[in-house]
C-alpha atoms as a PDB file:
ATOM      1  CA  UNK A   1      -2.063  -1.851   4.462  1.00  0.00           C
ATOM      2  CA  UNK A   2      -0.952   1.544   3.197  1.00  0.00           C
ATOM      3  CA  UNK A   3       1.289   2.382   0.253  1.00  0.00           C
ATOM      4  CA  UNK A   4       3.983   4.974   0.881  1.00  0.00           C
ATOM      5  CA  UNK A   5       6.178   6.485  -1.804  1.00  0.00           C
ATOM      6  CA  UNK A   6       9.819   7.343  -1.164  1.00  0.00           C
ATOM      7  CA  UNK A   7      11.241  10.607  -2.454  1.00  0.00           C
ATOM      8  CA  UNK A   8      13.305   8.783  -5.152  1.00  0.00           C
ATOM      9  CA  UNK A   9      10.121   7.044  -6.388  1.00  0.00           C
ATOM     10  CA  UNK A  10       8.300  10.380  -6.647  1.00  0.00           C
ATOM     11  CA  UNK A  11      11.246  11.857  -8.561  1.00  0.00           C
ATOM     12  CA  UNK A  12      11.257   8.809 -10.866  1.00  0.00           C
ATOM     13  CA  UNK A  13       7.535   9.229 -11.586  1.00  0.00           C
ATOM     14  CA  UNK A  14       7.981  12.933 -12.282  1.00  0.00           C
ATOM     15  CA  UNK A  15      10.852  12.285 -14.687  1.00  0.00           C
ATOM     16  CA  UNK A  16       8.951   9.547 -16.507  1.00  0.00           C
ATOM     17  CA  UNK A  17       5.953  11.857 -16.923  1.00  0.00           C
ATOM     18  CA  UNK A  18       8.107  14.788 -18.046  1.00  0.00           C
ATOM     19  CA  UNK A  19       9.803  12.602 -20.667  1.00  0.00           C
ATOM     20  CA  UNK A  20       6.472  11.175 -21.825  1.00  0.00           C
ATOM     21  CA  UNK A  21       4.931  14.626 -22.126  1.00  0.00           C
ATOM     22  CA  UNK A  22       7.892  15.964 -24.080  1.00  0.00           C
ATOM     23  CA  UNK A  23       7.899  13.072 -26.560  1.00  0.00           C
ATOM     24  CA  UNK A  24       4.265  11.931 -26.703  1.00  0.00           C
ATOM     25  CA  UNK A  25       2.121  14.775 -25.351  1.00  0.00           C
ATOM     26  CA  UNK A  26       0.273  15.732 -22.200  1.00  0.00           C
ATOM     27  CA  UNK A  27      -2.571  13.225 -22.557  1.00  0.00           C
ATOM     28  CA  UNK A  28      -0.163  10.296 -22.804  1.00  0.00           C
ATOM     29  CA  UNK A  29       1.795  11.618 -19.795  1.00  0.00           C
ATOM     30  CA  UNK A  30      -1.412  11.818 -17.714  1.00  0.00           C
ATOM     31  CA  UNK A  31      -2.410   8.285 -18.737  1.00  0.00           C
ATOM     32  CA  UNK A  32       1.059   6.990 -17.904  1.00  0.00           C
ATOM     33  CA  UNK A  33       1.035   8.640 -14.478  1.00  0.00           C
ATOM     34  CA  UNK A  34      -2.430   7.278 -13.729  1.00  0.00           C
ATOM     35  CA  UNK A  35      -1.477   3.760 -14.833  1.00  0.00           C
ATOM     36  CA  UNK A  36       1.627   3.782 -12.626  1.00  0.00           C
ATOM     37  CA  UNK A  37      -0.249   5.204  -9.645  1.00  0.00           C
ATOM     38  CA  UNK A  38      -3.124   2.719  -9.974  1.00  0.00           C
ATOM     39  CA  UNK A  39      -0.690  -0.184 -10.341  1.00  0.00           C
ATOM     40  CA  UNK A  40       1.051   0.854  -7.119  1.00  0.00           C
ATOM     41  CA  UNK A  41      -2.328   1.145  -5.383  1.00  0.00           C
ATOM     42  CA  UNK A  42      -2.926  -2.585  -5.992  1.00  0.00           C
ATOM     43  CA  UNK A  43      -0.114  -3.223  -3.510  1.00  0.00           C
ATOM     44  CA  UNK A  44      -2.490  -2.215  -0.675  1.00  0.00           C
ATOM     45  CA  UNK A  45      -4.541  -5.313  -1.323  1.00  0.00           C
ATOM     46  CA  UNK A  46      -1.871  -7.566  -2.811  1.00  0.00           C
ATOM     47  CA  UNK A  47       1.440  -6.666  -1.113  1.00  0.00           C
ATOM     48  CA  UNK A  48       3.265  -9.689  -2.534  1.00  0.00           C
ATOM     49  CA  UNK A  49       2.209  -9.023  -6.104  1.00  0.00           C
ATOM     50  CA  UNK A  50       4.998  -9.379  -8.623  1.00  0.00           C
ATOM     51  CA  UNK A  51       8.268 -11.185  -8.279  1.00  0.00           C
ATOM     52  CA  UNK A  52      11.167 -11.151  -5.834  1.00  0.00           C
ATOM     53  CA  UNK A  53      13.381  -8.161  -6.618  1.00  0.00           C
ATOM     54  CA  UNK A  54      16.944  -8.183  -7.860  1.00  0.00           C
ATOM     55  CA  UNK A  55      17.950  -6.268  -4.757  1.00  0.00           C
ATOM     56  CA  UNK A  56      17.548  -8.187  -1.461  1.00  0.00           C
ATOM     57  CA  UNK A  57      14.393  -7.303   0.455  1.00  0.00           C
ATOM     58  CA  UNK A  58      12.565  -5.880  -2.556  1.00  0.00           C
ATOM     59  CA  UNK A  59       9.860  -7.004  -4.932  1.00  0.00           C
ATOM     60  CA  UNK A  60       9.163  -5.885  -8.507  1.00  0.00           C
ATOM     61  CA  UNK A  61       5.942  -5.406 -10.428  1.00  0.00           C
ATOM     62  CA  UNK A  62       5.984  -5.005 -14.191  1.00  0.00           C
ATOM     63  CA  UNK A  63       3.252  -2.604 -15.280  1.00  0.00           C
ATOM     64  CA  UNK A  64       1.125  -4.035 -18.103  1.00  0.00           C
ATOM     65  CA  UNK A  65       1.500  -2.219 -21.440  1.00  0.00           C
ATOM     66  CA  UNK A  66       4.377  -0.059 -20.137  1.00  0.00           C
ATOM     67  CA  UNK A  67       8.093  -0.846 -19.919  1.00  0.00           C
ATOM     68  CA  UNK A  68       8.029   0.254 -16.270  1.00  0.00           C
ATOM     69  CA  UNK A  69       8.907  -1.552 -13.029  1.00  0.00           C
ATOM     70  CA  UNK A  70       7.662  -0.658  -9.570  1.00  0.00           C
ATOM     71  CA  UNK A  71      10.361  -1.586  -7.060  1.00  0.00           C
ATOM     72  CA  UNK A  72       8.956  -1.912  -3.553  1.00  0.00           C
ATOM     73  CA  UNK A  73       9.425  -3.331  -0.063  1.00  0.00           C
ATOM     74  CA  UNK A  74       6.804  -4.980   2.117  1.00  0.00           C
ATOM     75  CA  UNK A  75       7.211  -3.660   5.658  1.00  0.00           C
ATOM     76  CA  UNK A  76       5.209  -4.361   8.819  1.00  0.00           C
ATOM     77  CA  UNK A  77       2.580  -1.637   8.522  1.00  0.00           C
ATOM     78  CA  UNK A  78       2.900  -0.545   4.903  1.00  0.00           C
ATOM     79  CA  UNK A  79       4.288  -1.118   1.436  1.00  0.00           C
ATOM     80  CA  UNK A  80       7.092   1.250   0.471  1.00  0.00           C
ATOM     81  CA  UNK A  81       7.475   2.151  -3.204  1.00  0.00           C
ATOM     82  CA  UNK A  82      11.233   2.572  -3.506  1.00  0.00           C
ATOM     83  CA  UNK A  83      11.695   3.308  -7.214  1.00  0.00           C
ATOM     84  CA  UNK A  84       9.829   3.506 -10.512  1.00  0.00           C
ATOM     85  CA  UNK A  85      12.201   2.482 -13.295  1.00  0.00           C
ATOM     86  CA  UNK A  86      12.193   1.823 -17.018  1.00  0.00           C
ATOM     87  CA  UNK A  87      12.561  -1.925 -17.586  1.00  0.00           C
ATOM     88  CA  UNK A  88      15.698  -1.467 -19.694  1.00  0.00           C
ATOM     89  CA  UNK A  89      17.451   0.515 -16.981  1.00  0.00           C
ATOM     90  CA  UNK A  90      20.148  -1.324 -15.073  1.00  0.00           C
ATOM     91  CA  UNK A  91      18.957  -2.098 -11.545  1.00  0.00           C
ATOM     92  CA  UNK A  92      20.578  -2.261  -9.041  1.00  0.00           C
END
């Protein structure tokens, strides 16, 4: 199974990394990006990882050691990463 990222998810990741770099430095931003990307990659092997999402048809994975949620959908041929959100952000 493949993992595909939607445009909003890519924008979310970019914004999270920009914020992290501005407030905590480039090394922390790189580590954050890598942690998020690697967590999403687990969905290839474990597409039902996490919990049922708050929005119908979605699932959510909380990233360990980060206040970040990966919101995704399991489709026939792939997993679609829909959003990457801060856990305190109102969703949906």
